[in-house]
Amino acid sequence: MTDTAPKHTTLAGYFITLTGAILFSTKAIFVKLAFNHTKVDAVTLLTLRMLFSLPFYLVAAWLGSKKESINAITAKQWFYILLMGFLGYYLSSLFDFIGLQYISAGLERLILFLYPTFAILINTFIFKSKLSRLQVIALLLTYTGIGIAYFGELRIDTFNKEFYFGSFMVFLCALTYSVYLVGTGRIVPKVGVTRYTAYAMLAATVGIFVHFIATRSIGTIVFTPTLVGYTIALAIIATVLPSFMISNGMKKIGSNNVVIITSIGPVSTIIQAHFVLGEPIFAEQVIGTLLVLVGVLMIGKKNKA
């Protein structure tokens, strides 16, 4: 991906991005809490998340259409916006929520953090971007780190029969999200960040609602205060606020700086999972996380050069 950093970055841009990254990292925590304290399934929880997020994105879409209406969106651009929303927020979120039923929040965030490396591979093999030696080293470090943390987690979670399935679901989440990121980098400059974020999220919401209607019944949802509380927190704290913060951060400091700052995500999730969910922190996890962070930072440094 090419960087879109402005000539003069601002301290506010870095702070907004850091806050957004930390808020995004709370998603796995809220999802695990909802699974632990209610009988909700992944599809229903995802549907409720988008239901409570919907009003905010409708307002954002309306404001964005007024503010960024200089260039009309073409039919081709509409197609890609809807496709990216479907891949990035519907399928990706669905895979993620399913996976979180079976693996820890810390491991989920580490596997999910493969998306920058997937984005590089997509650009390399599909869009014929050149893969540098530094990027190769970064990829090797990242995948080595994931491997170390993964087998350390497997050593601890020995009785989980769905461990591999959950891991594979989160892997698919990272893959589909990387496709979304690559597409976003190519569409946002043409249609505007506010319109793109809002319309992509609305497209994903439609997909999620259709999935729910086809497979579930609204009458099966037990709207307990606990479930409503977790889904509102998931919608606002872990979805709406960080999505616009990260988009605003890209506008202020550029996409490559955003990638570097959001490297805090796995560390933030592991710490929260330890203190909120009681998940253990072990040596392989720490070593693997450090290797992943070094790899992602190298990718950001290469892109910034």
Foldseek 3Di string as FASTA:
>chain_A
DAKDFDPDFDPVLLVLLLLLLLLQLCLLVLLLLLVVPHVDALLVLLLLLLVLQQVVLVVLLVVLCVVQVPDDQDPVLLVLLLVLLQLAPALLSSLLSNLSVQAASLLLQLLLLCLVLLLVVCCCPPVVDDQDPLLVLLNVLSVVLNVLQLVVRCVVPVPRPCNVVSSVSSNSSSNSNSVSVNSCVVNCVPRHLSNSLSSSSVSSSVVSVVVCVVPHDPVVDDPDVSSNVSSNSSNPRNPDSSSVSLSVSCVRGIDLSSQLSSLCSSVSNVVCCCVPVVDDDDDSSVSSSVSNNVSSVSVSVVSVD
